[in-house]
Amino acid sequence: MTIGVWVLGNQLWLDQAALASCQGKDSPVLLIESLGFAQERPYHRQKLVLVWSAMRHFADELKTAGWPVTYTLADDTEVALMDWVKAMGITELRVMEPVDHPFARWLAGLALPCQLTILDNNHFLWGATAFKAWADQRQGLLLESFYREGRRRFGVLMAGDQPVGGQWNFDKDNRKLPKGHLNTPTPRWFEPDATTQAVIDKVENLSIPTFGTTHPFPWAVTREQALQVLTVFLDDRLNTFGPYQDAMVTGEDTMWHALLSPYLNLGLLHPWEVVERAAAAFEAQDLPLSSVEGFIRQVLGWREYMGGLYRYVDTDYGQRNWFEHHQALPEFVWTGETEMNCLHQVIDQIQRTGYAHHIQRLMILSNFALIAGLTPQAVENWFHAVFIDAYDWVMQTNVIGMGLFADGGLLASKPYASSANYVNKMSDYCQGCRYNPKVRIGEDACPFNFFYWDFLHRHRDKLQAQGRMGFILKNLDRMDQDELEAIQQQAQDWHAAHLPD
């Protein structure tokens, strides 16, 4: 009997369940660098470089640790897997549970010539069973309730049965406006080594559709490097992470953000070590509680919540479209060529880096897609293609649920829709824009303004049922009818001028 282990490209952890299930290191291990899966959408070139370079480095790490490793470059994943199973005489194939539903369905549908054993994914703090037990007991599945339960369950920032500091959430302390000169810290970046450069060369010569640039490529590709990024964040960036975590500034791609999500989602870092070290840094360095709590909420709260919800909801969740939005994506989401400076700045940043922080994603990209009525599935697919930390489990709940409210409120308590006022307050983007953030109609009107009020008008009946929208809708009632009609017309004219037929 020969037990083989297939390590997937986002499970690059020596203690992952499939590897850990093998006694000793005699079991053959397979990694497949698949061109087939790379063709599913026009992925960011740096995402392809990151995944493939990290896989190659991890294969070397496994070999150094004594595992017999086969690393295969393949056009067809299924063919490569079958060939390896037969060549190695595998009688049982062990795989750690893939979180993404499409891949899990594909894997379950394979006609393998051996036993397939799927082991529970141990790269989350909440397993699927534990999350279901929590969710089944509740009428609502709001983040705050889940986050508090996670703090209690894992004993993080707790003083007995009460939260350290006397409150659970310090989010209100973390919304400082980006005024004046900001002395932002330099992230921990890396120069590509020979392995990474070989992958860059490969990606640059691909004949399949891709997005963005490969240079510069500064991302970590090994666990050792990812741990360095974590250490630098805890030592140099966490102290001032909180106040400006919602701010957006031209030319500041990373601000004080941790830049850990690509490594968490690949398996190079485990969420518990990140949470544990952040909590320890709070004690050792006397860091501001608002910064530490805000960061831990993103990992112990938001990331675990996204993963748990994705596995809990029906598999048709990604097809939900509560507002019945069906507008196509404008071409500028791929080029960045738009007169709206906020969108231009963020898309240009993504083209260069594959990265944007959570407020850029939520209040610029998703906000615009929501109020402009873009098709949720097309928006989610675009997010999945262009971000370096994107996977199906990450993007469905974040985009369909949080960003676009296409699930009708399963995840969020209200749509995250706003006019240009929010962008003008929390960024400097409006200063370099040809549109006026204070004007709602006319040639200089910011599209965020006329789309926002058009959105409220079009969906008034549905929004009225959302308790937190009543005050905003009263403002809509006070609007002059002629102005409202002009807003509707300007929204229609914009669609006609900018969207494909």
Protein backbone atom coordinates (compact mmCIF):
# COMPACT_ATOMS: atom_id res chain seq x y z
CA MET A 1 0.00 0.00 0.00
CA THR A 2 1.42 3.38 -1.06
CA ILE A 3 -0.03 6.58 0.37
CA GLY A 4 0.55 9.67 -1.75
CA VAL A 5 -0.03 13.31 -0.83
CA TRP A 6 -1.11 15.99 -3.28
CA VAL A 7 -0.21 19.45 -1.96
CA LEU A 8 -2.34 22.13 -3.56
CA GLY A 9 -0.90 25.51 -4.49
CA ASN A 10 -2.52 27.36 -1.58
CA GLN A 11 -1.65 24.77 1.09
CA LEU A 12 2.08 25.42 1.41
CA TRP A 13 2.54 24.53 5.07
CA LEU A 14 4.62 21.68 6.50
CA ASP A 15 1.95 20.98 9.14
CA GLN A 16 -1.00 20.96 6.75
CA ALA A 17 -3.39 18.07 7.38
CA ALA A 18 -2.46 15.78 4.47
CA LEU A 19 1.27 15.91 5.20
CA ALA A 20 0.70 15.69 8.93
CA SER A 21 -1.40 12.54 8.48
CA CYS A 22 1.57 10.57 7.17
CA GLN A 23 3.77 8.85 9.69
CA GLY A 24 7.34 9.53 8.77
CA LYS A 25 8.30 11.11 5.46
CA ASP A 26 8.14 8.10 3.15
CA SER A 27 4.95 9.07 1.29
CA PRO A 28 5.42 10.47 -2.23
CA VAL A 29 4.35 14.10 -2.51
CA LEU A 30 3.06 15.82 -5.65
CA LEU A 31 2.82 19.50 -6.56
CA ILE A 32 1.39 20.50 -9.96
CA GLU A 33 2.15 23.86 -11.52
CA SER A 34 -0.93 24.01 -13.69
CA LEU A 35 -1.32 26.14 -16.78
CA GLY A 36 -4.86 24.85 -17.11
CA PHE A 37 -6.09 26.50 -13.94
CA ALA A 38 -4.18 29.67 -14.84
CA GLN A 39 -6.43 30.04 -17.87
CA GLU A 40 -9.66 30.21 -15.89
CA ARG A 41 -9.53 34.02 -15.84
CA PRO A 42 -6.96 36.70 -16.78
CA TYR A 43 -5.04 36.53 -13.51
CA HIS A 44 -2.65 39.21 -12.39
CA ARG A 45 0.84 38.29 -13.50
CA GLN A 46 2.21 38.83 -10.01
CA LYS A 47 -0.39 36.40 -8.62
CA LEU A 48 0.87 33.72 -10.99
CA VAL A 49 4.48 34.51 -10.09
CA LEU A 50 3.70 34.45 -6.38
CA VAL A 51 1.87 31.11 -6.42
CA TRP A 52 4.25 29.29 -8.72
CA SER A 53 7.41 30.62 -7.08
CA ALA A 54 6.05 29.81 -3.62
CA MET A 55 5.18 26.30 -4.81
CA ARG A 56 8.66 25.74 -6.22
CA HIS A 57 10.29 27.00 -3.03
CA PHE A 58 8.00 24.84 -0.91
CA ALA A 59 8.85 21.78 -2.98
CA ASP A 60 12.52 22.45 -2.23
CA GLU A 61 11.67 22.85 1.46
CA LEU A 62 9.90 19.48 1.45
CA LYS A 63 12.85 17.82 -0.27
CA THR A 64 15.23 19.30 2.28
CA ALA A 65 12.99 17.93 5.04
CA GLY A 66 13.29 14.45 3.51
CA TRP A 67 10.07 14.04 1.55
CA PRO A 68 10.16 12.35 -1.89
CA VAL A 69 8.71 15.16 -4.04
CA THR A 70 7.54 15.28 -7.64
CA TYR A 71 7.09 18.79 -9.03
CA THR A 72 5.24 18.75 -12.34
CA LEU A 73 4.64 21.49 -14.91
CA ALA A 74 1.38 20.62 -16.62
CA ASP A 75 -1.08 21.94 -19.18
CA ASP A 76 -3.74 19.52 -17.92
CA THR A 77 -3.92 18.97 -14.16
CA GLU A 78 -6.00 15.80 -14.35
CA VAL A 79 -3.62 14.12 -16.78
CA ALA A 80 -0.62 15.04 -14.64
CA LEU A 81 -2.29 13.71 -11.50
CA MET A 82 -3.35 10.43 -13.11
CA ASP A 83 0.11 9.86 -14.59
CA TRP A 84 1.75 10.40 -11.19
CA VAL A 85 -0.71 8.14 -9.34
CA LYS A 86 -0.04 5.32 -11.80
CA ALA A 87 3.73 5.85 -11.97
CA MET A 88 4.07 5.84 -8.18
CA GLY A 89 1.66 2.98 -7.62
CA ILE A 90 -0.47 5.12 -5.32
CA THR A 91 -3.24 3.17 -3.59
CA GLU A 92 -4.49 6.03 -1.41
CA LEU A 93 -4.28 9.72 -2.32
CA ARG A 94 -4.52 12.16 0.56
CA VAL A 95 -5.47 15.81 -0.01
CA MET A 96 -6.20 18.50 2.53
CA GLU A 97 -9.73 19.76 1.98
CA PRO A 98 -9.76 22.46 -0.71
CA VAL A 99 -11.85 25.38 0.52
CA ASP A 100 -12.87 26.67 -2.92
CA HIS A 101 -16.12 25.03 -4.05
CA PRO A 102 -15.30 24.77 -7.80
CA PHE A 103 -12.05 22.93 -7.13
CA ALA A 104 -13.67 20.70 -4.50
CA ARG A 105 -16.38 19.70 -7.01
CA TRP A 106 -13.74 19.04 -9.66
CA LEU A 107 -11.73 16.89 -7.26
CA ALA A 108 -14.80 14.92 -6.15
CA GLY A 109 -15.67 14.20 -9.78
CA LEU A 110 -12.33 12.59 -10.67
CA ALA A 111 -12.36 8.90 -11.55
CA LEU A 112 -9.16 8.08 -9.68
CA PRO A 113 -7.66 4.57 -9.81
CA CYS A 114 -7.07 4.74 -6.05
CA GLN A 115 -8.79 5.68 -2.81
CA LEU A 116 -9.20 9.45 -2.29
CA THR A 117 -9.01 10.68 1.32
CA ILE A 118 -9.95 14.31 2.01
CA LEU A 119 -8.65 15.56 5.36
CA ASP A 120 -10.18 18.49 7.23
CA ASN A 121 -8.52 21.78 6.39
CA ASN A 122 -6.49 22.89 9.41
CA HIS A 123 -5.48 26.26 8.02
CA PHE A 124 -8.36 28.06 9.73
CA LEU A 125 -9.02 28.54 13.43
CA TRP A 126 -12.68 27.68 12.89
CA GLY A 127 -13.27 24.42 11.06
CA ALA A 128 -16.38 24.05 8.93
CA THR A 129 -18.10 21.93 11.60
CA ALA A 130 -17.40 24.41 14.40
CA PHE A 131 -18.62 27.35 12.33
CA LYS A 132 -21.80 25.49 11.39
CA ALA A 133 -22.48 24.73 15.05
CA TRP A 134 -22.16 28.43 15.85
CA ALA A 135 -24.22 29.59 12.87
CA ASP A 136 -27.05 27.08 13.30
CA GLN A 137 -27.82 28.50 16.73
CA ARG A 138 -28.27 32.07 15.49
CA GLN A 139 -30.91 34.02 13.62
CA GLY A 140 -28.37 36.50 12.25
CA LEU A 141 -24.79 35.84 11.18
CA LEU A 142 -23.24 39.25 11.83
CA LEU A 143 -19.47 39.61 12.14
CA GLU A 144 -19.50 41.29 15.54
CA SER A 145 -21.19 38.35 17.24
CA PHE A 146 -18.80 35.90 15.58
CA TYR A 147 -15.78 38.01 16.46
CA ARG A 148 -16.71 38.20 20.12
CA GLU A 149 -17.24 34.45 20.23
CA GLY A 150 -13.79 33.96 18.66
CA ARG A 151 -12.16 36.20 21.25
CA ARG A 152 -13.79 34.17 24.03
CA ARG A 153 -13.10 30.80 22.45
CA PHE A 154 -9.40 31.42 21.86
CA GLY A 155 -8.76 33.70 24.84
CA VAL A 156 -7.42 36.62 22.79
CA LEU A 157 -7.25 40.09 24.40
CA MET A 158 -9.41 38.89 27.25
CA ALA A 159 -9.36 39.76 30.96
CA GLY A 160 -11.27 36.85 32.41
CA ASP A 161 -14.60 36.80 30.61
CA GLN A 162 -14.38 40.47 29.61
CA PRO A 163 -12.48 42.14 26.75
CA VAL A 164 -9.25 43.94 27.58
CA GLY A 165 -9.96 47.67 27.72
CA GLY A 166 -13.61 47.19 28.60
CA GLN A 167 -14.97 47.07 25.04
CA TRP A 168 -14.81 44.64 22.15
CA ASN A 169 -14.34 46.96 19.21
CA PHE A 170 -12.29 50.16 18.85
CA ASP A 171 -13.16 50.77 15.21
CA LYS A 172 -14.37 54.32 15.89
CA ASP A 173 -10.84 55.22 17.01
CA ASN A 174 -9.38 54.02 13.71
CA ARG A 175 -10.83 56.48 11.20
CA LYS A 176 -8.35 59.33 11.24
CA LEU A 177 -8.47 61.56 8.19
CA PRO A 178 -5.33 61.70 6.00
CA LYS A 179 -4.41 65.33 6.55
CA GLY A 180 -0.92 66.78 6.25
CA HIS A 181 2.28 64.83 5.65
CA LEU A 182 2.14 61.16 6.60
CA ASN A 183 5.46 59.52 7.43
CA THR A 184 4.55 56.00 6.35
CA PRO A 185 6.92 53.10 7.07
CA THR A 186 8.61 51.09 4.35
CA PRO A 187 7.27 47.53 3.99
CA ARG A 188 9.53 44.49 4.03
CA TRP A 189 10.05 43.71 0.35
CA PHE A 190 12.39 41.23 -1.36
CA GLU A 191 14.44 40.99 -4.52
CA PRO A 192 13.52 37.99 -6.71
CA ASP A 193 15.95 35.10 -6.40
CA ALA A 194 16.84 32.78 -9.29
CA THR A 195 13.78 30.61 -8.76
CA THR A 196 11.42 33.56 -8.75
CA GLN A 197 13.13 35.13 -11.75
CA ALA A 198 12.64 31.91 -13.70
CA VAL A 199 8.93 32.06 -12.93
CA ILE A 200 8.79 35.73 -13.93
CA ASP A 201 10.36 34.81 -17.27
CA LYS A 202 7.78 32.06 -17.73
CA VAL A 203 4.84 34.33 -16.93
CA GLU A 204 6.09 37.08 -19.23
CA ASN A 205 6.16 34.58 -22.10
CA LEU A 206 2.70 33.08 -21.53
CA SER A 207 0.34 33.16 -24.47
CA ILE A 208 -2.78 33.29 -22.28
CA PRO A 209 -4.63 36.48 -21.21
CA THR A 210 -3.18 38.03 -18.04
CA PHE A 211 -3.43 41.34 -16.18
CA GLY A 212 -0.95 43.80 -14.73
CA THR A 213 2.84 43.83 -14.69
CA THR A 214 5.48 41.49 -13.29
CA HIS A 215 7.98 44.21 -12.31
CA PRO A 216 8.82 45.10 -9.71
CA PHE A 217 8.00 41.84 -7.92
CA PRO A 218 8.71 42.44 -4.21
CA TRP A 219 6.57 39.76 -2.53
CA ALA A 220 7.73 37.05 -0.13
CA VAL A 221 7.75 33.55 -1.63
CA THR A 222 8.88 31.42 1.33
CA ARG A 223 7.72 30.94 4.89
CA GLU A 224 10.98 32.42 6.17
CA GLN A 225 10.37 35.60 4.18
CA ALA A 226 6.69 35.75 5.19
CA LEU A 227 7.75 35.55 8.83
CA GLN A 228 10.06 38.51 8.22
CA VAL A 229 7.10 40.50 6.86
CA LEU A 230 5.12 39.62 9.98
CA THR A 231 7.98 40.62 12.28
CA VAL A 232 8.51 43.96 10.55
CA PHE A 233 4.78 44.69 10.75
CA LEU A 234 4.66 43.92 14.47
CA ASP A 235 7.83 45.87 15.24
CA ASP A 236 7.49 48.90 12.94
CA ARG A 237 3.94 49.21 11.61
CA LEU A 238 1.37 47.86 14.09
CA ASN A 239 1.90 50.73 16.53
CA THR A 240 0.36 53.22 14.08
CA PHE A 241 -1.70 50.79 12.01
CA GLY A 242 -5.02 51.70 13.61
CA PRO A 243 -5.59 55.44 13.14
CA TYR A 244 -5.10 55.56 9.37
CA GLN A 245 -6.28 52.09 8.36
CA ASP A 246 -9.25 53.59 6.44
CA ALA A 247 -7.25 56.40 4.78
CA MET A 248 -6.33 56.52 1.09
CA VAL A 249 -3.46 58.68 -0.19
CA THR A 250 -2.08 59.15 -3.69
CA GLY A 251 1.33 57.49 -4.05
CA GLU A 252 0.93 55.52 -0.81
CA ASP A 253 0.26 51.96 -1.91
CA THR A 254 0.58 50.25 1.46
CA MET A 255 0.24 52.87 4.25
CA TRP A 256 0.54 50.98 7.58
CA HIS A 257 -1.20 47.84 6.37
CA ALA A 258 0.21 44.43 7.25
CA LEU A 259 0.44 42.96 3.70
CA LEU A 260 -0.01 39.47 5.17
CA SER A 261 -3.12 38.26 3.35
CA PRO A 262 -1.24 36.74 0.38
CA TYR A 263 0.86 34.65 2.75
CA LEU A 264 -2.04 33.62 4.98
CA ASN A 265 -4.04 32.54 1.93
CA LEU A 266 -1.11 30.54 0.51
CA GLY A 267 -0.38 28.71 3.77
CA LEU A 268 3.01 30.33 4.35
CA LEU A 269 1.61 31.79 7.59
CA HIS A 270 -0.99 30.31 9.91
CA PRO A 271 -3.67 32.63 11.32
CA TRP A 272 -3.06 31.53 14.90
CA GLU A 273 0.62 32.45 14.89
CA VAL A 274 -0.29 35.87 13.48
CA VAL A 275 -2.96 36.49 16.13
CA GLU A 276 -0.82 35.09 18.94
CA ARG A 277 2.20 37.19 18.02
CA ALA A 278 0.10 40.36 17.68
CA ALA A 279 -1.40 39.79 21.13
CA ALA A 280 2.08 39.13 22.55
CA ALA A 281 3.40 42.33 20.94
CA PHE A 282 0.60 44.27 22.63
CA GLU A 283 1.82 43.06 26.00
CA ALA A 284 5.55 43.36 25.33
CA GLN A 285 5.63 46.69 23.48
CA ASP A 286 2.76 48.50 25.19
CA LEU A 287 1.12 49.10 21.80
CA PRO A 288 -2.15 51.05 21.41
CA LEU A 289 -5.07 48.70 22.03
CA SER A 290 -7.06 50.26 19.18
CA SER A 291 -4.35 49.30 16.67
CA VAL A 292 -3.85 45.77 17.99
CA GLU A 293 -7.56 45.06 18.37
CA GLY A 294 -8.26 46.44 14.89
CA PHE A 295 -5.65 44.18 13.35
CA ILE A 296 -6.68 41.07 15.29
CA ARG A 297 -10.29 41.72 14.25
CA GLN A 298 -9.19 41.44 10.62
CA VAL A 299 -7.60 38.01 11.15
CA LEU A 300 -9.45 36.34 14.02
CA GLY A 301 -12.69 38.07 13.04
CA TRP A 302 -13.01 38.94 9.37
CA ARG A 303 -10.82 36.28 7.71
CA GLU A 304 -12.28 33.45 9.78
CA TYR A 305 -15.77 34.82 9.24
CA MET A 306 -15.32 34.91 5.47
CA GLY A 307 -13.98 31.37 5.38
CA GLY A 308 -16.71 30.07 7.67
CA LEU A 309 -19.55 31.74 5.79
CA TYR A 310 -18.26 30.55 2.43
CA ARG A 311 -18.35 26.94 3.60
CA TYR A 312 -21.69 27.41 5.40
CA VAL A 313 -23.86 29.04 2.71
CA ASP A 314 -25.38 27.21 -0.26
CA THR A 315 -23.06 26.74 -3.21
CA ASP A 316 -25.32 29.00 -5.32
CA TYR A 317 -24.37 31.96 -3.10
CA GLY A 318 -22.07 33.33 -5.80
CA GLN A 319 -25.02 33.68 -8.21
CA ARG A 320 -27.08 35.93 -5.96
CA ASN A 321 -28.14 39.31 -7.34
CA TRP A 322 -30.58 40.89 -4.88
CA PHE A 323 -30.71 44.26 -6.64
CA GLU A 324 -30.96 42.59 -10.08
CA HIS A 325 -28.01 44.55 -11.43
CA HIS A 326 -26.97 43.61 -14.97
CA GLN A 327 -24.66 46.34 -16.30
CA ALA A 328 -21.44 45.12 -17.95
CA LEU A 329 -18.01 46.10 -16.65
CA PRO A 330 -16.57 49.29 -18.15
CA GLU A 331 -13.35 48.81 -20.09
CA PHE A 332 -11.43 51.04 -17.68
CA VAL A 333 -11.43 48.37 -14.96
CA TRP A 334 -8.81 46.62 -17.10
CA THR A 335 -6.90 49.72 -18.24
CA GLY A 336 -7.31 52.27 -15.46
CA GLU A 337 -8.03 54.89 -18.12
CA THR A 338 -10.83 56.93 -16.55
CA GLU A 339 -11.23 60.57 -15.58
CA MET A 340 -12.44 59.51 -12.12
CA ASN A 341 -9.15 59.94 -10.29
CA CYS A 342 -10.03 57.68 -7.36
CA LEU A 343 -10.73 54.76 -9.67
CA HIS A 344 -7.72 55.58 -11.83
CA GLN A 345 -5.38 55.67 -8.82
CA VAL A 346 -6.62 52.41 -7.33
CA ILE A 347 -6.70 50.46 -10.60
CA ASP A 348 -3.24 51.76 -11.54
CA GLN A 349 -1.98 50.59 -8.15
CA ILE A 350 -3.50 47.15 -8.69
CA GLN A 351 -1.91 46.91 -12.14
CA ARG A 352 1.50 47.61 -10.60
CA THR A 353 1.19 45.56 -7.41
CA GLY A 354 -1.83 43.23 -7.41
CA TYR A 355 -2.77 44.87 -4.12
CA ALA A 356 -5.21 47.40 -2.68
CA HIS A 357 -6.19 47.70 0.97
CA HIS A 358 -9.67 46.94 2.29
CA ILE A 359 -11.12 50.47 2.07
CA GLN A 360 -9.90 50.92 -1.51
CA ARG A 361 -11.62 47.64 -2.34
CA LEU A 362 -14.83 48.39 -0.42
CA MET A 363 -15.43 52.12 -0.75
CA ILE A 364 -13.88 52.80 -4.17
CA LEU A 365 -14.17 49.66 -6.29
CA SER A 366 -17.15 47.85 -4.76
CA ASN A 367 -18.99 51.06 -3.95
CA PHE A 368 -18.79 52.23 -7.55
CA ALA A 369 -19.81 48.81 -8.89
CA LEU A 370 -22.80 48.74 -6.53
CA ILE A 371 -24.23 52.18 -7.23
CA ALA A 372 -23.50 51.94 -10.98
CA GLY A 373 -25.45 48.67 -11.13
CA LEU A 374 -22.66 46.42 -12.43
CA THR A 375 -23.36 42.68 -12.59
CA PRO A 376 -22.19 41.13 -9.28
CA GLN A 377 -20.75 37.99 -10.87
CA ALA A 378 -18.69 40.01 -13.36
CA VAL A 379 -17.39 42.22 -10.56
CA GLU A 380 -16.48 39.22 -8.39
CA ASN A 381 -14.69 37.56 -11.30
CA TRP A 382 -12.70 40.77 -11.89
CA PHE A 383 -11.71 40.98 -8.22
CA HIS A 384 -10.68 37.33 -8.35
CA ALA A 385 -8.54 37.93 -11.44
CA VAL A 386 -6.67 41.07 -10.41
CA PHE A 387 -5.84 40.66 -6.70
CA ILE A 388 -2.76 38.81 -5.52
CA ASP A 389 -4.53 37.38 -2.44
CA ALA A 390 -7.74 36.32 -4.25
CA TYR A 391 -9.39 32.90 -4.10
CA ASP A 392 -12.98 31.84 -4.60
CA TRP A 393 -13.61 31.60 -0.84
CA VAL A 394 -12.15 35.07 -0.31
CA MET A 395 -13.92 36.92 -3.08
CA GLN A 396 -17.43 35.49 -3.07
CA THR A 397 -18.33 36.56 0.44
CA ASN A 398 -16.29 39.77 0.30
CA VAL A 399 -17.65 40.99 -3.04
CA ILE A 400 -21.07 39.35 -3.43
CA GLY A 401 -21.91 39.84 0.25
CA MET A 402 -20.01 42.75 1.79
CA GLY A 403 -19.19 44.86 -1.25
CA LEU A 404 -22.30 44.55 -3.41
CA PHE A 405 -25.00 43.44 -0.91
CA ALA A 406 -26.08 40.98 -3.59
CA ASP A 407 -26.98 38.43 -0.91
CA GLY A 408 -29.72 40.73 0.41
CA GLY A 409 -28.15 41.23 3.81
CA LEU A 410 -27.04 37.79 4.93
CA LEU A 411 -23.59 39.17 5.66
CA ALA A 412 -23.89 42.96 6.05
CA SER A 413 -26.49 45.02 7.90
CA LYS A 414 -26.72 47.62 5.12
CA PRO A 415 -25.25 48.29 1.66
CA TYR A 416 -21.88 50.02 1.72
CA ALA A 417 -22.97 52.72 -0.72
CA SER A 418 -21.78 56.31 -0.57
CA SER A 419 -21.48 59.46 -2.62
CA ALA A 420 -18.24 61.27 -3.40
CA ASN A 421 -18.36 62.80 0.07
CA TYR A 422 -16.83 59.70 1.66
CA VAL A 423 -14.05 59.51 -0.94
CA ASN A 424 -13.29 63.21 -0.49
CA LYS A 425 -13.18 62.85 3.29
CA MET A 426 -11.04 59.72 3.53
CA SER A 427 -8.63 60.34 0.63
CA ASP A 428 -6.84 63.01 -1.37
CA TYR A 429 -8.04 61.54 -4.67
CA CYS A 430 -10.63 64.26 -5.31
CA GLN A 431 -7.93 66.96 -5.27
CA GLY A 432 -6.50 65.64 -8.52
CA CYS A 433 -9.79 64.91 -10.26
CA ARG A 434 -11.55 66.78 -13.02
CA TYR A 435 -14.92 66.08 -11.35
CA ASN A 436 -16.26 68.10 -8.43
CA PRO A 437 -17.08 65.90 -5.41
CA LYS A 438 -19.71 68.42 -4.24
CA VAL A 439 -21.72 68.55 -7.49
CA ARG A 440 -24.53 66.08 -8.25
CA ILE A 441 -25.58 67.02 -11.79
CA GLY A 442 -23.97 68.67 -14.78
CA GLU A 443 -20.69 68.34 -16.65
CA ASP A 444 -18.55 68.59 -13.51
CA ALA A 445 -20.68 66.25 -11.40
CA CYS A 446 -18.81 63.32 -9.88
CA PRO A 447 -20.30 60.01 -11.09
CA PHE A 448 -20.22 58.79 -7.49
CA ASN A 449 -22.81 61.47 -6.71
CA PHE A 450 -25.38 60.95 -9.44
CA PHE A 451 -25.00 57.16 -9.29
CA TYR A 452 -25.46 57.21 -5.51
CA TRP A 453 -28.75 59.10 -5.59
CA ASP A 454 -29.93 57.14 -8.63
CA PHE A 455 -29.18 53.92 -6.74
CA LEU A 456 -31.20 55.05 -3.72
CA HIS A 457 -34.12 56.04 -5.93
CA ARG A 458 -34.11 52.84 -8.02
CA HIS A 459 -34.04 50.56 -5.00
CA ARG A 460 -36.02 52.61 -2.52
CA ASP A 461 -38.52 49.84 -1.73
CA LYS A 462 -35.84 47.28 -0.95
CA LEU A 463 -33.67 49.74 0.95
CA GLN A 464 -36.58 50.92 3.08
CA ALA A 465 -36.64 47.48 4.69
CA GLN A 466 -33.03 47.93 5.81
CA GLY A 467 -33.35 49.62 9.19
CA ARG A 468 -30.13 51.59 8.89
CA MET A 469 -31.17 53.26 5.60
CA GLY A 470 -34.16 55.27 6.86
CA PHE A 471 -32.26 58.48 7.59
CA ILE A 472 -30.57 58.50 4.19
CA LEU A 473 -33.83 57.89 2.35
CA LYS A 474 -35.36 60.92 4.11
CA ASN A 475 -32.69 63.00 2.39
CA LEU A 476 -33.82 61.53 -0.92
CA ASP A 477 -37.39 62.66 -0.14
CA ARG A 478 -36.21 66.24 0.25
CA MET A 479 -34.62 66.32 -3.20
CA ASP A 480 -36.22 68.49 -5.85
CA GLN A 481 -38.04 66.36 -8.45
CA ASP A 482 -36.35 68.10 -11.37
CA GLU A 483 -32.92 67.42 -9.86
CA LEU A 484 -33.81 63.77 -9.27
CA GLU A 485 -34.90 63.37 -12.89
CA ALA A 486 -31.68 65.03 -14.06
CA ILE A 487 -29.68 62.62 -11.87
CA GLN A 488 -31.50 59.64 -13.39
CA GLN A 489 -30.85 60.91 -16.89
CA GLN A 490 -27.17 61.55 -16.21
CA ALA A 491 -26.76 58.03 -14.86
CA GLN A 492 -28.36 56.61 -18.01
CA ASP A 493 -26.18 58.80 -20.24
CA TRP A 494 -23.02 57.67 -18.44
CA HIS A 495 -23.93 54.03 -18.95
CA ALA A 496 -24.59 54.61 -22.62
CA ALA A 497 -21.24 56.36 -23.06
CA HIS A 498 -19.01 54.07 -21.01
CA LEU A 499 -20.39 50.55 -20.96
CA PRO A 500 -20.28 47.94 -23.74
CA ASP A 501 -23.51 47.27 -25.63
